[in-house]
Amino acid sequence: MKNYLQTCVAVVALGCGLMVTGCGPSAGTVRVSGTVLANGEPVPGLTVQFSPSEDKRPSVGFTDESGQFVLRYNKDIVGVLPGKQQVTFSWYPEKPGQKPTTGQALVLARHDQEKGTPLELQIDGPESNLVIAIDEDEKLGKSAR
């Protein structure tokens, strides 16, 4: 009986310890968030997709009014699989006949998910301030601040 109680206490303690440390599903992902800029201005309303080059599941995020995004591997897991990524963008109008903004059009012209050339980035660890900057006069800039 004493061993049974000790085992129960150990199992409960282990369970509580896992809850406190925040142990949960990660699928080996690292957290990636950042901002999309076109000609130095934030680009809202884009879908951002990071696709690993080895035919693995992509991670997706959406730019908000500040051009900021957070990538999700799936509905439960935030992040992206580390490694070489092909980055593409897409845009879906909210209203019929709506046209993309100048910033959205510039990003899509370069790296549209369906017909553009993917941007290639290497993600080795967490990135909390990744800046994807696309300028009309230059090819492309990427920086981590």
N, C-alpha and C. Protein backbone atom coordinates (compact mmCIF):
# COMPACT_ATOMS: atom_id res chain seq x y z
N MET A 1 0.82 -1.19 0.00
CA MET A 1 0.00 0.00 0.00
C MET A 1 0.87 1.26 0.00
N LYS A 2 1.97 1.21 0.78
CA LYS A 2 2.86 2.36 0.85
C LYS A 2 3.48 2.64 -0.53
N ASN A 3 3.91 1.59 -1.25
CA ASN A 3 4.49 1.76 -2.59
C ASN A 3 3.47 2.34 -3.57
N TYR A 4 2.22 1.91 -3.44
CA TYR A 4 1.16 2.41 -4.31
C TYR A 4 0.98 3.92 -4.11
N LEU A 5 0.94 4.36 -2.84
CA LEU A 5 0.79 5.79 -2.54
C LEU A 5 1.99 6.58 -3.05
N GLN A 6 3.19 6.05 -2.87
CA GLN A 6 4.38 6.74 -3.35
C GLN A 6 4.34 6.87 -4.87
N THR A 7 3.90 5.82 -5.55
CA THR A 7 3.80 5.85 -7.01
C THR A 7 2.78 6.90 -7.46
N CYS A 8 1.63 6.94 -6.78
CA CYS A 8 0.59 7.92 -7.11
C CYS A 8 1.11 9.35 -6.91
N VAL A 9 1.78 9.58 -5.80
CA VAL A 9 2.33 10.91 -5.52
C VAL A 9 3.37 11.28 -6.58
N ALA A 10 4.21 10.34 -6.97
CA ALA A 10 5.24 10.60 -7.99
C ALA A 10 4.61 10.94 -9.33
N VAL A 11 3.56 10.22 -9.72
CA VAL A 11 2.88 10.47 -10.99
C VAL A 11 2.22 11.84 -10.98
N VAL A 12 1.56 12.20 -9.91
CA VAL A 12 0.91 13.51 -9.80
C VAL A 12 1.96 14.62 -9.82
N ALA A 13 3.06 14.42 -9.10
CA ALA A 13 4.13 15.43 -9.08
C ALA A 13 4.73 15.61 -10.47
N LEU A 14 4.94 14.51 -11.18
CA LEU A 14 5.49 14.59 -12.53
C LEU A 14 4.52 15.34 -13.44
N GLY A 15 3.24 15.02 -13.35
CA GLY A 15 2.24 15.71 -14.16
C GLY A 15 2.20 17.20 -13.88
N CYS A 16 2.26 17.57 -12.61
CA CYS A 16 2.27 18.99 -12.24
C CYS A 16 3.54 19.66 -12.74
N GLY A 17 4.63 18.98 -12.67
CA GLY A 17 5.90 19.53 -13.14
C GLY A 17 5.86 19.80 -14.64
N LEU A 18 5.26 18.91 -15.41
CA LEU A 18 5.15 19.11 -16.85
C LEU A 18 4.24 20.29 -17.17
N MET A 19 3.16 20.47 -16.41
CA MET A 19 2.26 21.60 -16.62
C MET A 19 2.97 22.91 -16.31
N VAL A 20 3.75 22.95 -15.25
CA VAL A 20 4.44 24.18 -14.85
C VAL A 20 5.50 24.57 -15.87
N THR A 21 6.23 23.58 -16.41
CA THR A 21 7.29 23.89 -17.36
C THR A 21 6.75 24.20 -18.74
N GLY A 22 5.47 23.99 -18.96
CA GLY A 22 4.87 24.32 -20.25
C GLY A 22 5.20 23.31 -21.33
N CYS A 23 5.47 22.11 -20.95
CA CYS A 23 5.79 21.07 -21.91
C CYS A 23 4.55 20.80 -22.75
N GLY A 24 4.70 20.81 -24.05
CA GLY A 24 3.57 20.58 -24.92
C GLY A 24 4.06 20.22 -26.30
N PRO A 25 3.14 20.09 -27.24
CA PRO A 25 3.54 19.70 -28.58
C PRO A 25 4.36 20.79 -29.26
N SER A 26 5.41 20.40 -29.98
CA SER A 26 6.19 21.37 -30.72
C SER A 26 6.57 20.86 -32.10
N ALA A 27 6.57 19.56 -32.32
CA ALA A 27 6.93 18.95 -33.61
C ALA A 27 8.32 19.36 -34.05
N GLY A 28 9.16 19.82 -33.11
CA GLY A 28 10.51 20.23 -33.45
C GLY A 28 10.59 21.62 -34.07
N THR A 29 9.53 22.42 -33.89
CA THR A 29 9.49 23.76 -34.49
C THR A 29 10.20 24.79 -33.62
N VAL A 30 10.56 25.91 -34.25
CA VAL A 30 11.08 27.07 -33.54
C VAL A 30 10.16 28.25 -33.85
N ARG A 31 9.97 29.11 -32.87
CA ARG A 31 9.06 30.25 -33.03
C ARG A 31 9.67 31.27 -33.99
N VAL A 32 8.88 31.70 -34.97
CA VAL A 32 9.31 32.72 -35.92
C VAL A 32 8.21 33.76 -36.05
N SER A 33 8.58 35.01 -35.84
CA SER A 33 7.65 36.12 -36.04
C SER A 33 8.45 37.28 -36.62
N GLY A 34 7.75 38.19 -37.25
CA GLY A 34 8.45 39.31 -37.85
C GLY A 34 7.51 40.27 -38.53
N THR A 35 8.08 41.01 -39.49
CA THR A 35 7.34 42.07 -40.18
C THR A 35 7.66 42.01 -41.67
N VAL A 36 6.65 42.26 -42.48
CA VAL A 36 6.84 42.38 -43.92
C VAL A 36 6.73 43.87 -44.27
N LEU A 37 7.76 44.36 -44.98
CA LEU A 37 7.80 45.76 -45.41
C LEU A 37 7.94 45.83 -46.92
N ALA A 38 7.28 46.81 -47.52
CA ALA A 38 7.46 47.13 -48.94
C ALA A 38 7.80 48.61 -49.03
N ASN A 39 8.96 48.90 -49.60
CA ASN A 39 9.45 50.28 -49.67
C ASN A 39 9.45 50.94 -48.29
N GLY A 40 9.79 50.16 -47.26
CA GLY A 40 9.90 50.67 -45.90
C GLY A 40 8.60 50.78 -45.13
N GLU A 41 7.48 50.45 -45.76
CA GLU A 41 6.17 50.55 -45.11
C GLU A 41 5.62 49.16 -44.80
N PRO A 42 4.93 48.99 -43.65
CA PRO A 42 4.34 47.70 -43.32
C PRO A 42 3.29 47.27 -44.34
N VAL A 43 3.22 45.96 -44.58
CA VAL A 43 2.25 45.43 -45.55
C VAL A 43 1.25 44.54 -44.82
N PRO A 44 0.03 45.05 -44.58
CA PRO A 44 -1.00 44.24 -43.94
C PRO A 44 -1.73 43.36 -44.95
N GLY A 45 -2.47 42.38 -44.44
CA GLY A 45 -3.38 41.59 -45.26
C GLY A 45 -2.77 40.51 -46.12
N LEU A 46 -1.53 40.11 -45.84
CA LEU A 46 -0.90 39.05 -46.62
C LEU A 46 -0.88 37.74 -45.85
N THR A 47 -0.94 36.64 -46.58
CA THR A 47 -0.68 35.32 -46.02
C THR A 47 0.79 35.05 -46.30
N VAL A 48 1.53 34.69 -45.25
CA VAL A 48 2.96 34.40 -45.36
C VAL A 48 3.13 32.89 -45.16
N GLN A 49 3.83 32.23 -46.09
CA GLN A 49 4.02 30.79 -45.98
C GLN A 49 5.51 30.46 -46.05
N PHE A 50 5.99 29.73 -45.04
CA PHE A 50 7.35 29.21 -45.01
C PHE A 50 7.26 27.71 -45.28
N SER A 51 7.88 27.24 -46.36
CA SER A 51 7.83 25.83 -46.73
C SER A 51 9.23 25.24 -46.67
N PRO A 52 9.43 24.21 -45.84
CA PRO A 52 10.73 23.55 -45.81
C PRO A 52 11.02 22.92 -47.17
N SER A 53 12.28 22.87 -47.52
CA SER A 53 12.63 22.35 -48.84
C SER A 53 12.50 20.84 -48.95
N GLU A 54 12.31 20.14 -47.84
CA GLU A 54 12.23 18.67 -47.87
C GLU A 54 10.80 18.15 -47.88
N ASP A 55 9.88 18.76 -48.59
CA ASP A 55 8.50 18.29 -48.69
C ASP A 55 7.85 18.03 -47.34
N LYS A 56 8.11 18.88 -46.39
CA LYS A 56 7.46 18.77 -45.09
C LYS A 56 6.40 19.85 -44.99
N ARG A 57 5.58 19.73 -43.97
CA ARG A 57 4.46 20.65 -43.77
C ARG A 57 4.94 22.10 -43.67
N PRO A 58 4.29 23.03 -44.40
CA PRO A 58 4.64 24.44 -44.28
C PRO A 58 4.05 25.06 -43.02
N SER A 59 4.58 26.22 -42.67
CA SER A 59 4.01 27.04 -41.60
C SER A 59 3.45 28.30 -42.23
N VAL A 60 2.35 28.79 -41.65
CA VAL A 60 1.63 29.91 -42.24
C VAL A 60 1.36 30.98 -41.19
N GLY A 61 1.38 32.23 -41.62
CA GLY A 61 1.02 33.36 -40.76
C GLY A 61 0.30 34.41 -41.59
N PHE A 62 -0.23 35.41 -40.92
CA PHE A 62 -0.98 36.48 -41.59
C PHE A 62 -0.48 37.82 -41.08
N THR A 63 -0.22 38.76 -41.99
CA THR A 63 0.25 40.07 -41.55
C THR A 63 -0.92 40.92 -41.07
N ASP A 64 -0.70 41.58 -39.93
CA ASP A 64 -1.72 42.46 -39.36
C ASP A 64 -1.53 43.87 -39.91
N GLU A 65 -2.22 44.84 -39.34
CA GLU A 65 -2.14 46.23 -39.82
C GLU A 65 -0.72 46.80 -39.73
N SER A 66 0.12 46.23 -38.86
CA SER A 66 1.51 46.69 -38.71
C SER A 66 2.47 45.86 -39.56
N GLY A 67 1.93 44.98 -40.39
CA GLY A 67 2.77 44.12 -41.22
C GLY A 67 3.40 42.97 -40.45
N GLN A 68 3.00 42.80 -39.18
CA GLN A 68 3.59 41.76 -38.34
C GLN A 68 2.87 40.43 -38.50
N PHE A 69 3.66 39.35 -38.37
CA PHE A 69 3.11 38.01 -38.49
C PHE A 69 3.75 37.08 -37.46
N VAL A 70 3.05 36.01 -37.14
CA VAL A 70 3.56 34.91 -36.32
C VAL A 70 3.24 33.64 -37.10
N LEU A 71 4.25 32.79 -37.32
CA LEU A 71 4.03 31.57 -38.08
C LEU A 71 3.48 30.46 -37.20
N ARG A 72 2.54 29.70 -37.77
CA ARG A 72 1.95 28.55 -37.08
C ARG A 72 2.18 27.31 -37.94
N TYR A 73 2.61 26.23 -37.29
CA TYR A 73 2.81 24.95 -37.94
C TYR A 73 1.47 24.26 -38.17
N ASN A 74 0.60 24.39 -37.19
CA ASN A 74 -0.79 23.96 -37.29
C ASN A 74 -1.58 24.73 -36.24
N LYS A 75 -2.84 24.39 -36.04
CA LYS A 75 -3.66 25.20 -35.11
C LYS A 75 -3.17 25.14 -33.67
N ASP A 76 -2.43 24.09 -33.31
CA ASP A 76 -1.96 23.93 -31.94
C ASP A 76 -0.49 24.29 -31.74
N ILE A 77 0.28 24.36 -32.82
CA ILE A 77 1.72 24.54 -32.69
C ILE A 77 2.18 25.81 -33.40
N VAL A 78 2.80 26.71 -32.63
CA VAL A 78 3.38 27.93 -33.18
C VAL A 78 4.81 27.61 -33.60
N GLY A 79 5.19 28.07 -34.79
CA GLY A 79 6.58 27.92 -35.21
C GLY A 79 6.73 27.34 -36.60
N VAL A 80 7.98 27.08 -36.93
CA VAL A 80 8.38 26.57 -38.23
C VAL A 80 9.48 25.54 -38.02
N LEU A 81 9.55 24.55 -38.88
CA LEU A 81 10.63 23.58 -38.79
C LEU A 81 11.94 24.28 -39.17
N PRO A 82 13.01 24.09 -38.40
CA PRO A 82 14.28 24.72 -38.74
C PRO A 82 14.81 24.21 -40.07
N GLY A 83 15.59 25.04 -40.74
CA GLY A 83 16.21 24.66 -42.00
C GLY A 83 15.92 25.67 -43.09
N LYS A 84 16.25 25.28 -44.31
CA LYS A 84 16.05 26.13 -45.47
C LYS A 84 14.55 26.23 -45.77
N GLN A 85 14.08 27.46 -45.97
CA GLN A 85 12.66 27.71 -46.20
C GLN A 85 12.46 28.44 -47.52
N GLN A 86 11.41 28.09 -48.22
CA GLN A 86 10.96 28.86 -49.37
C GLN A 86 9.78 29.69 -48.89
N VAL A 87 9.93 31.01 -48.97
CA VAL A 87 8.92 31.93 -48.46
C VAL A 87 8.11 32.50 -49.62
N THR A 88 6.80 32.36 -49.52
CA THR A 88 5.89 32.94 -50.53
C THR A 88 4.76 33.68 -49.82
N PHE A 89 4.07 34.49 -50.60
CA PHE A 89 2.98 35.31 -50.07
C PHE A 89 1.75 35.13 -50.95
N SER A 90 0.59 35.31 -50.34
CA SER A 90 -0.65 35.34 -51.11
C SER A 90 -1.57 36.40 -50.50
N TRP A 91 -2.56 36.80 -51.26
CA TRP A 91 -3.50 37.83 -50.83
C TRP A 91 -4.88 37.44 -51.35
N TYR A 92 -5.86 37.58 -50.48
CA TYR A 92 -7.24 37.28 -50.84
C TYR A 92 -8.09 38.50 -50.55
N PRO A 93 -8.77 39.05 -51.57
CA PRO A 93 -9.57 40.26 -51.34
C PRO A 93 -10.71 40.00 -50.36
N GLU A 94 -10.99 41.01 -49.55
CA GLU A 94 -12.11 40.91 -48.61
C GLU A 94 -13.44 41.15 -49.31
N LYS A 95 -13.40 41.95 -50.40
CA LYS A 95 -14.62 42.27 -51.14
C LYS A 95 -14.40 41.98 -52.62
N PRO A 96 -15.45 41.59 -53.33
CA PRO A 96 -15.30 41.36 -54.77
C PRO A 96 -14.80 42.62 -55.48
N GLY A 97 -13.86 42.44 -56.39
CA GLY A 97 -13.34 43.57 -57.15
C GLY A 97 -12.26 44.37 -56.44
N GLN A 98 -11.97 44.05 -55.20
CA GLN A 98 -10.96 44.78 -54.45
C GLN A 98 -9.57 44.52 -55.04
N LYS A 99 -8.78 45.57 -55.15
CA LYS A 99 -7.42 45.46 -55.68
C LYS A 99 -6.42 45.52 -54.53
N PRO A 100 -5.26 44.84 -54.69
CA PRO A 100 -4.24 44.91 -53.63
C PRO A 100 -3.67 46.32 -53.53
N THR A 101 -3.21 46.66 -52.33
CA THR A 101 -2.54 47.95 -52.13
C THR A 101 -1.22 47.93 -52.88
N THR A 102 -0.57 49.08 -52.97
CA THR A 102 0.72 49.18 -53.65
C THR A 102 1.74 48.24 -53.01
N GLY A 103 1.79 48.22 -51.68
CA GLY A 103 2.73 47.35 -50.96
C GLY A 103 2.43 45.88 -51.20
N GLN A 104 1.16 45.51 -51.13
CA GLN A 104 0.77 44.12 -51.39
C GLN A 104 1.15 43.72 -52.81
N ALA A 105 0.88 44.60 -53.77
CA ALA A 105 1.17 44.31 -55.17
C ALA A 105 2.67 44.11 -55.39
N LEU A 106 3.50 44.93 -54.74
CA LEU A 106 4.95 44.80 -54.88
C LEU A 106 5.44 43.46 -54.34
N VAL A 107 4.97 43.09 -53.15
CA VAL A 107 5.37 41.81 -52.55
C VAL A 107 4.91 40.65 -53.42
N LEU A 108 3.67 40.70 -53.89
CA LEU A 108 3.12 39.62 -54.70
C LEU A 108 3.82 39.52 -56.06
N ALA A 109 4.22 40.65 -56.61
CA ALA A 109 4.93 40.63 -57.90
C ALA A 109 6.25 39.88 -57.78
N ARG A 110 6.86 39.94 -56.63
CA ARG A 110 8.16 39.28 -56.43
C ARG A 110 8.03 37.84 -55.94
N HIS A 111 7.09 37.60 -55.01
CA HIS A 111 7.08 36.30 -54.33
C HIS A 111 5.68 35.73 -54.12
N ASP A 112 4.82 35.87 -55.13
CA ASP A 112 3.48 35.32 -55.06
C ASP A 112 3.54 33.79 -54.95
N GLN A 113 2.68 33.22 -54.13
CA GLN A 113 2.69 31.78 -53.89
C GLN A 113 2.47 30.97 -55.17
N GLU A 114 1.67 31.46 -56.09
CA GLU A 114 1.34 30.68 -57.28
C GLU A 114 2.27 30.95 -58.45
N LYS A 115 2.69 32.21 -58.67
CA LYS A 115 3.47 32.49 -59.87
C LYS A 115 4.77 33.23 -59.63
N GLY A 116 5.06 33.59 -58.40
CA GLY A 116 6.29 34.31 -58.11
C GLY A 116 7.45 33.39 -57.80
N THR A 117 8.60 33.98 -57.62
CA THR A 117 9.79 33.23 -57.24
C THR A 117 9.88 33.21 -55.72
N PRO A 118 9.98 32.04 -55.11
CA PRO A 118 10.07 32.01 -53.64
C PRO A 118 11.34 32.69 -53.14
N LEU A 119 11.22 33.33 -52.03
CA LEU A 119 12.36 33.89 -51.31
C LEU A 119 12.94 32.76 -50.48
N GLU A 120 14.25 32.56 -50.49
CA GLU A 120 14.84 31.49 -49.69
C GLU A 120 15.50 32.06 -48.45
N LEU A 121 15.13 31.51 -47.29
CA LEU A 121 15.70 31.92 -46.01
C LEU A 121 16.14 30.68 -45.25
N GLN A 122 17.17 30.84 -44.45
CA GLN A 122 17.63 29.77 -43.57
C GLN A 122 17.18 30.11 -42.16
N ILE A 123 16.42 29.22 -41.56
CA ILE A 123 15.96 29.41 -40.18
C ILE A 123 16.64 28.34 -39.32
N ASP A 124 17.56 28.77 -38.46
CA ASP A 124 18.29 27.83 -37.61
C ASP A 124 17.79 27.80 -36.17
N GLY A 125 17.10 28.86 -35.77
CA GLY A 125 16.60 28.94 -34.40
C GLY A 125 15.48 29.96 -34.35
N PRO A 126 14.99 30.24 -33.16
CA PRO A 126 13.88 31.20 -33.02
C PRO A 126 14.25 32.57 -33.60
N GLU A 127 13.30 33.20 -34.22
CA GLU A 127 13.45 34.55 -34.79
C GLU A 127 12.24 35.35 -34.32
N SER A 128 12.47 36.37 -33.51
CA SER A 128 11.33 37.14 -33.01
C SER A 128 11.20 38.49 -33.70
N ASN A 129 12.19 38.90 -34.45
CA ASN A 129 12.13 40.19 -35.13
C ASN A 129 12.60 40.08 -36.58
N LEU A 130 12.21 39.04 -37.26
CA LEU A 130 12.59 38.86 -38.65
C LEU A 130 11.93 39.95 -39.49
N VAL A 131 12.72 40.64 -40.29
CA VAL A 131 12.17 41.67 -41.16
C VAL A 131 12.38 41.22 -42.60
N ILE A 132 11.29 41.10 -43.34
CA ILE A 132 11.36 40.80 -44.76
C ILE A 132 11.03 42.10 -45.47
N ALA A 133 12.06 42.71 -46.06
CA ALA A 133 11.93 44.03 -46.68
C ALA A 133 12.09 43.93 -48.18
N ILE A 134 11.08 44.36 -48.90
CA ILE A 134 11.11 44.33 -50.35
C ILE A 134 10.99 45.77 -50.84
N ASP A 135 11.98 46.19 -51.64
CA ASP A 135 12.01 47.56 -52.14
C ASP A 135 11.90 47.55 -53.66
N GLU A 136 11.21 48.53 -54.19
CA GLU A 136 11.03 48.64 -55.62
C GLU A 136 12.36 48.81 -56.35
N ASP A 137 13.27 49.60 -55.78
CA ASP A 137 14.54 49.93 -56.44
C ASP A 137 15.63 48.89 -56.22
N GLU A 138 15.47 48.04 -55.23
CA GLU A 138 16.49 47.05 -54.92
C GLU A 138 15.92 45.66 -55.13
N LYS A 139 16.79 44.67 -55.09
CA LYS A 139 16.33 43.31 -55.25
C LYS A 139 15.51 42.89 -54.04
N LEU A 140 16.16 42.65 -52.90
CA LEU A 140 15.45 42.20 -51.72
C LEU A 140 16.36 42.32 -50.52
N GLY A 141 15.81 42.67 -49.40
CA GLY A 141 16.59 42.71 -48.17
C GLY A 141 15.91 41.88 -47.12
N LYS A 142 16.69 41.24 -46.28
CA LYS A 142 16.17 40.46 -45.16
C LYS A 142 17.08 40.73 -43.99
N SER A 143 16.53 41.04 -42.85
CA SER A 143 17.37 41.25 -41.69
C SER A 143 16.65 40.77 -40.44
N ALA A 144 17.43 40.47 -39.45
CA ALA A 144 16.87 40.12 -38.13
C ALA A 144 17.35 41.20 -37.18
N ARG A 145 16.44 41.97 -36.66
CA ARG A 145 16.83 43.06 -35.75
C ARG A 145 16.91 42.58 -34.34
